[in-house]
Amino acid sequence: MTKPSAKRHLPTSPFKPPVVPAPKHFAVGDQVNHDIYGLGRVIGIEEGIAALVNFGGSVEQRILSPYAKMTKL
């Protein structure tokens, strides 16, 4: 079985194209929640690439953009 591909928006369509969500932006010091790692604090940013997050003690993870599983608190 093949996966259905995303439908493209035709310029002549009377319907608006789907809205693309804006990328999430984090700053050093932001408190975040990750679906797998839990609560943490951003300790470093690689602009547009990744965020370095401390999840307590010495547990640090590099979370890659687009940060699908991470939300700002």
C-alpha atoms as a PDB file:
ATOM      1  CA  MET A   1       0.000   0.000   0.000  1.00  0.00           C
ATOM      2  CA  THR A   2       1.188   3.503  -0.727  1.00  0.00           C
ATOM      3  CA  LYS A   3       0.769   6.466   1.554  1.00  0.00           C
ATOM      4  CA  PRO A   4      -1.485   9.236   0.285  1.00  0.00           C
ATOM      5  CA  SER A   5       0.517  12.309  -0.619  1.00  0.00           C
ATOM      6  CA  ALA A   6      -0.345  15.760   0.624  1.00  0.00           C
ATOM      7  CA  LYS A   7      -2.801  17.500  -1.646  1.00  0.00           C
ATOM      8  CA  ARG A   8      -1.448  20.560  -3.336  1.00  0.00           C
ATOM      9  CA  HIS A   9      -3.406  23.786  -3.411  1.00  0.00           C
ATOM     10  CA  LEU A  10      -4.571  24.847  -6.855  1.00  0.00           C
ATOM     11  CA  PRO A  11      -4.319  28.578  -7.588  1.00  0.00           C
ATOM     12  CA  THR A  12      -7.825  28.531  -9.097  1.00  0.00           C
ATOM     13  CA  SER A  13      -9.402  26.975  -5.989  1.00  0.00           C
ATOM     14  CA  PRO A  14     -12.052  29.053  -4.194  1.00  0.00           C
ATOM     15  CA  PHE A  15     -10.773  27.728  -0.859  1.00  0.00           C
ATOM     16  CA  LYS A  16      -7.884  29.229   1.087  1.00  0.00           C
ATOM     17  CA  PRO A  17      -4.635  27.252   1.224  1.00  0.00           C
ATOM     18  CA  PRO A  18      -3.909  25.440   4.501  1.00  0.00           C
ATOM     19  CA  VAL A  19      -2.194  27.582   7.096  1.00  0.00           C
ATOM     20  CA  VAL A  20       1.370  26.525   7.878  1.00  0.00           C
ATOM     21  CA  PRO A  21       2.044  26.861  11.638  1.00  0.00           C
ATOM     22  CA  ALA A  22       4.753  29.339  12.556  1.00  0.00           C
ATOM     23  CA  PRO A  23       7.989  27.790  13.815  1.00  0.00           C
ATOM     24  CA  LYS A  24       8.400  27.814  17.586  1.00  0.00           C
ATOM     25  CA  HIS A  25      11.032  30.123  19.033  1.00  0.00           C
ATOM     26  CA  PHE A  26      12.716  29.489  22.348  1.00  0.00           C
ATOM     27  CA  ALA A  27      15.130  31.662  24.320  1.00  0.00           C
ATOM     28  CA  VAL A  28      17.755  30.799  26.909  1.00  0.00           C
ATOM     29  CA  GLY A  29      16.050  30.522  30.290  1.00  0.00           C
ATOM     30  CA  ASP A  30      12.620  29.476  28.980  1.00  0.00           C
ATOM     31  CA  GLN A  31      10.898  26.711  30.916  1.00  0.00           C
ATOM     32  CA  VAL A  32       9.672  23.962  28.604  1.00  0.00           C
ATOM     33  CA  ASN A  33       7.810  20.676  28.716  1.00  0.00           C
ATOM     34  CA  HIS A  34       8.860  17.791  26.453  1.00  0.00           C
ATOM     35  CA  ASP A  35       6.548  14.834  25.781  1.00  0.00           C
ATOM     36  CA  ILE A  36       9.318  12.309  26.532  1.00  0.00           C
ATOM     37  CA  TYR A  37      11.811  14.044  28.862  1.00  0.00           C
ATOM     38  CA  GLY A  38       9.375  16.138  30.935  1.00  0.00           C
ATOM     39  CA  LEU A  39      10.046  19.577  32.455  1.00  0.00           C
ATOM     40  CA  GLY A  40      13.240  21.407  31.640  1.00  0.00           C
ATOM     41  CA  ARG A  41      14.954  24.748  31.049  1.00  0.00           C
ATOM     42  CA  VAL A  42      16.570  25.943  27.817  1.00  0.00           C
ATOM     43  CA  ILE A  43      20.303  26.504  28.389  1.00  0.00           C
ATOM     44  CA  GLY A  44      21.447  27.015  24.815  1.00  0.00           C
ATOM     45  CA  ILE A  45      20.130  27.777  21.323  1.00  0.00           C
ATOM     46  CA  GLU A  46      21.451  26.911  17.883  1.00  0.00           C
ATOM     47  CA  GLU A  47      19.300  29.306  15.856  1.00  0.00           C
ATOM     48  CA  GLY A  48      16.898  27.393  13.621  1.00  0.00           C
ATOM     49  CA  ILE A  49      18.645  24.070  14.273  1.00  0.00           C
ATOM     50  CA  ALA A  50      18.313  22.890  17.871  1.00  0.00           C
ATOM     51  CA  ALA A  51      17.848  23.821  21.512  1.00  0.00           C
ATOM     52  CA  LEU A  52      19.956  22.476  24.387  1.00  0.00           C
ATOM     53  CA  VAL A  53      17.671  21.734  27.329  1.00  0.00           C
ATOM     54  CA  ASN A  54      18.524  20.744  30.916  1.00  0.00           C
ATOM     55  CA  PHE A  55      15.960  18.280  32.261  1.00  0.00           C
ATOM     56  CA  GLY A  56      17.210  18.265  35.838  1.00  0.00           C
ATOM     57  CA  GLY A  57      20.576  17.403  37.351  1.00  0.00           C
ATOM     58  CA  SER A  58      23.061  16.485  34.649  1.00  0.00           C
ATOM     59  CA  VAL A  59      20.474  15.363  32.070  1.00  0.00           C
ATOM     60  CA  GLU A  60      20.902  17.598  29.019  1.00  0.00           C
ATOM     61  CA  GLN A  61      19.342  16.892  25.635  1.00  0.00           C
ATOM     62  CA  ARG A  62      19.763  18.551  22.260  1.00  0.00           C
ATOM     63  CA  ILE A  63      16.233  18.890  20.838  1.00  0.00           C
ATOM     64  CA  LEU A  64      16.143  19.405  17.069  1.00  0.00           C
ATOM     65  CA  SER A  65      13.878  21.885  15.299  1.00  0.00           C
ATOM     66  CA  PRO A  66      10.855  21.947  14.593  1.00  0.00           C
ATOM     67  CA  TYR A  67      10.345  21.065  18.290  1.00  0.00           C
ATOM     68  CA  ALA A  68       7.179  19.025  17.656  1.00  0.00           C
ATOM     69  CA  LYS A  69       7.190  17.444  21.120  1.00  0.00           C
ATOM     70  CA  MET A  70       8.258  20.536  23.108  1.00  0.00           C
ATOM     71  CA  THR A  71       6.113  23.411  24.370  1.00  0.00           C
ATOM     72  CA  LYS A  72       6.964  26.610  26.230  1.00  0.00           C
ATOM     73  CA  LEU A  73       5.441  27.015  29.699  1.00  0.00           C
END
